[in-house]
């Protein structure tokens, strides 16, 4: 089998995308950004602080009323059972 054929075989293998949930990896990180001045709330793993920050920011700078919520989540690609790269069951 040539390297080109091997590459095709793996390119057609089935993969799945799953949320990366190992210990120490947060489910998500949230951060609010003011679209007027681009100041940010700072990252928060609970999601509770960014909206409060946005309201406080709007109260202190009345012309700043549009915000963007940045959300980071972590994902991992895993080979499916039919993929040659899948680990054999223990």
C-alpha atoms as a PDB file:
ATOM      1  CA  UNK A   1       0.000   0.000   0.000  1.00  0.00           C
ATOM      2  CA  UNK A   2       1.413   3.365  -0.952  1.00  0.00           C
ATOM      3  CA  UNK A   3       1.500   6.377   1.350  1.00  0.00           C
ATOM      4  CA  UNK A   4      -1.087   8.030  -0.897  1.00  0.00           C
ATOM      5  CA  UNK A   5      -3.512   5.088  -0.489  1.00  0.00           C
ATOM      6  CA  UNK A   6      -2.940   5.055   3.276  1.00  0.00           C
ATOM      7  CA  UNK A   7      -3.741   8.770   3.440  1.00  0.00           C
ATOM      8  CA  UNK A   8      -7.005   8.156   1.579  1.00  0.00           C
ATOM      9  CA  UNK A   9      -7.942   5.366   3.934  1.00  0.00           C
ATOM     10  CA  UNK A  10      -7.521   7.610   6.963  1.00  0.00           C
ATOM     11  CA  UNK A  11      -9.201  10.550   5.253  1.00  0.00           C
ATOM     12  CA  UNK A  12     -12.356   8.416   4.914  1.00  0.00           C
ATOM     13  CA  UNK A  13     -12.243   7.147   8.500  1.00  0.00           C
ATOM     14  CA  UNK A  14     -15.058   8.247  10.777  1.00  0.00           C
ATOM     15  CA  UNK A  15     -14.287  10.716  13.535  1.00  0.00           C
ATOM     16  CA  UNK A  16     -16.507  12.309  16.138  1.00  0.00           C
ATOM     17  CA  UNK A  17     -16.181  15.586  17.981  1.00  0.00           C
ATOM     18  CA  UNK A  18     -16.853  15.459  21.726  1.00  0.00           C
ATOM     19  CA  UNK A  19     -16.661  18.048  24.456  1.00  0.00           C
ATOM     20  CA  UNK A  20     -13.287  17.875  26.193  1.00  0.00           C
ATOM     21  CA  UNK A  21     -14.320  17.119  29.768  1.00  0.00           C
ATOM     22  CA  UNK A  22     -11.170  15.928  31.467  1.00  0.00           C
ATOM     23  CA  UNK A  23     -10.500  17.029  35.029  1.00  0.00           C
ATOM     24  CA  UNK A  24      -9.288  20.611  35.205  1.00  0.00           C
ATOM     25  CA  UNK A  25     -10.804  21.604  31.848  1.00  0.00           C
ATOM     26  CA  UNK A  26     -13.679  24.079  32.303  1.00  0.00           C
ATOM     27  CA  UNK A  27     -16.976  23.369  30.532  1.00  0.00           C
ATOM     28  CA  UNK A  28     -16.807  26.924  29.142  1.00  0.00           C
ATOM     29  CA  UNK A  29     -15.202  30.306  29.712  1.00  0.00           C
ATOM     30  CA  UNK A  30     -17.301  33.457  29.249  1.00  0.00           C
ATOM     31  CA  UNK A  31     -16.188  37.034  28.669  1.00  0.00           C
ATOM     32  CA  UNK A  32     -18.229  40.116  27.706  1.00  0.00           C
ATOM     33  CA  UNK A  33     -16.807  42.827  25.424  1.00  0.00           C
ATOM     34  CA  UNK A  34     -18.090  46.384  25.017  1.00  0.00           C
ATOM     35  CA  UNK A  35     -18.418  47.045  21.293  1.00  0.00           C
ATOM     36  CA  UNK A  36     -17.908  50.792  21.814  1.00  0.00           C
ATOM     37  CA  UNK A  37     -14.599  50.840  23.687  1.00  0.00           C
ATOM     38  CA  UNK A  38     -13.651  47.141  23.464  1.00  0.00           C
ATOM     39  CA  UNK A  39     -13.107  46.875  27.196  1.00  0.00           C
ATOM     40  CA  UNK A  40     -13.667  43.339  28.478  1.00  0.00           C
ATOM     41  CA  UNK A  41     -15.165  41.868  31.611  1.00  0.00           C
ATOM     42  CA  UNK A  42     -12.418  39.332  32.132  1.00  0.00           C
ATOM     43  CA  UNK A  43     -12.857  35.578  31.808  1.00  0.00           C
ATOM     44  CA  UNK A  44     -15.329  33.763  34.035  1.00  0.00           C
ATOM     45  CA  UNK A  45     -16.086  30.033  34.194  1.00  0.00           C
ATOM     46  CA  UNK A  46     -19.546  30.451  35.755  1.00  0.00           C
ATOM     47  CA  UNK A  47     -20.998  32.866  33.193  1.00  0.00           C
ATOM     48  CA  UNK A  48     -22.547  34.968  35.954  1.00  0.00           C
ATOM     49  CA  UNK A  49     -20.058  37.836  36.130  1.00  0.00           C
ATOM     50  CA  UNK A  50     -19.905  39.011  32.451  1.00  0.00           C
ATOM     51  CA  UNK A  51     -23.581  40.147  32.205  1.00  0.00           C
ATOM     52  CA  UNK A  52     -23.300  41.978  35.533  1.00  0.00           C
ATOM     53  CA  UNK A  53     -20.124  43.646  34.306  1.00  0.00           C
ATOM     54  CA  UNK A  54     -21.916  44.736  31.094  1.00  0.00           C
ATOM     55  CA  UNK A  55     -24.747  46.370  33.061  1.00  0.00           C
ATOM     56  CA  UNK A  56     -22.302  48.124  35.375  1.00  0.00           C
ATOM     57  CA  UNK A  57     -20.242  49.282  32.376  1.00  0.00           C
ATOM     58  CA  UNK A  58     -23.346  50.651  30.616  1.00  0.00           C
ATOM     59  CA  UNK A  59     -24.330  52.451  33.812  1.00  0.00           C
ATOM     60  CA  UNK A  60     -20.926  54.126  34.055  1.00  0.00           C
ATOM     61  CA  UNK A  61     -20.699  54.897  30.306  1.00  0.00           C
ATOM     62  CA  UNK A  62     -24.294  55.479  29.106  1.00  0.00           C
ATOM     63  CA  UNK A  63     -23.343  55.534  25.402  1.00  0.00           C
ATOM     64  CA  UNK A  64     -21.910  52.018  25.668  1.00  0.00           C
ATOM     65  CA  UNK A  65     -24.925  49.788  25.090  1.00  0.00           C
ATOM     66  CA  UNK A  66     -23.802  47.039  22.721  1.00  0.00           C
ATOM     67  CA  UNK A  67     -21.855  44.043  24.014  1.00  0.00           C
ATOM     68  CA  UNK A  68     -20.521  40.812  22.582  1.00  0.00           C
ATOM     69  CA  UNK A  69     -20.348  37.621  24.636  1.00  0.00           C
ATOM     70  CA  UNK A  70     -17.232  35.558  23.896  1.00  0.00           C
ATOM     71  CA  UNK A  71     -17.625  31.903  24.848  1.00  0.00           C
ATOM     72  CA  UNK A  72     -14.820  29.373  24.697  1.00  0.00           C
ATOM     73  CA  UNK A  73     -15.505  25.663  24.868  1.00  0.00           C
ATOM     74  CA  UNK A  74     -13.016  22.846  24.516  1.00  0.00           C
ATOM     75  CA  UNK A  75     -13.485  19.956  22.108  1.00  0.00           C
ATOM     76  CA  UNK A  76     -11.593  16.795  21.235  1.00  0.00           C
ATOM     77  CA  UNK A  77     -11.631  14.752  18.008  1.00  0.00           C
ATOM     78  CA  UNK A  78     -11.902  11.020  18.684  1.00  0.00           C
ATOM     79  CA  UNK A  79     -11.776   8.168  16.203  1.00  0.00           C
ATOM     80  CA  UNK A  80     -15.027   6.188  16.021  1.00  0.00           C
ATOM     81  CA  UNK A  81     -15.026   2.435  16.613  1.00  0.00           C
ATOM     82  CA  UNK A  82     -14.669   1.764  12.859  1.00  0.00           C
ATOM     83  CA  UNK A  83     -11.673   4.097  12.545  1.00  0.00           C
ATOM     84  CA  UNK A  84      -8.318   2.254  12.337  1.00  0.00           C
ATOM     85  CA  UNK A  85      -6.929   4.711  14.883  1.00  0.00           C
ATOM     86  CA  UNK A  86      -9.514   3.741  17.529  1.00  0.00           C
ATOM     87  CA  UNK A  87      -8.123   2.107  20.633  1.00  0.00           C
ATOM     88  CA  UNK A  88      -9.021  -1.534  21.117  1.00  0.00           C
ATOM     89  CA  UNK A  89     -11.542  -2.060  23.955  1.00  0.00           C
ATOM     90  CA  UNK A  90      -9.930  -3.159  27.200  1.00  0.00           C
END
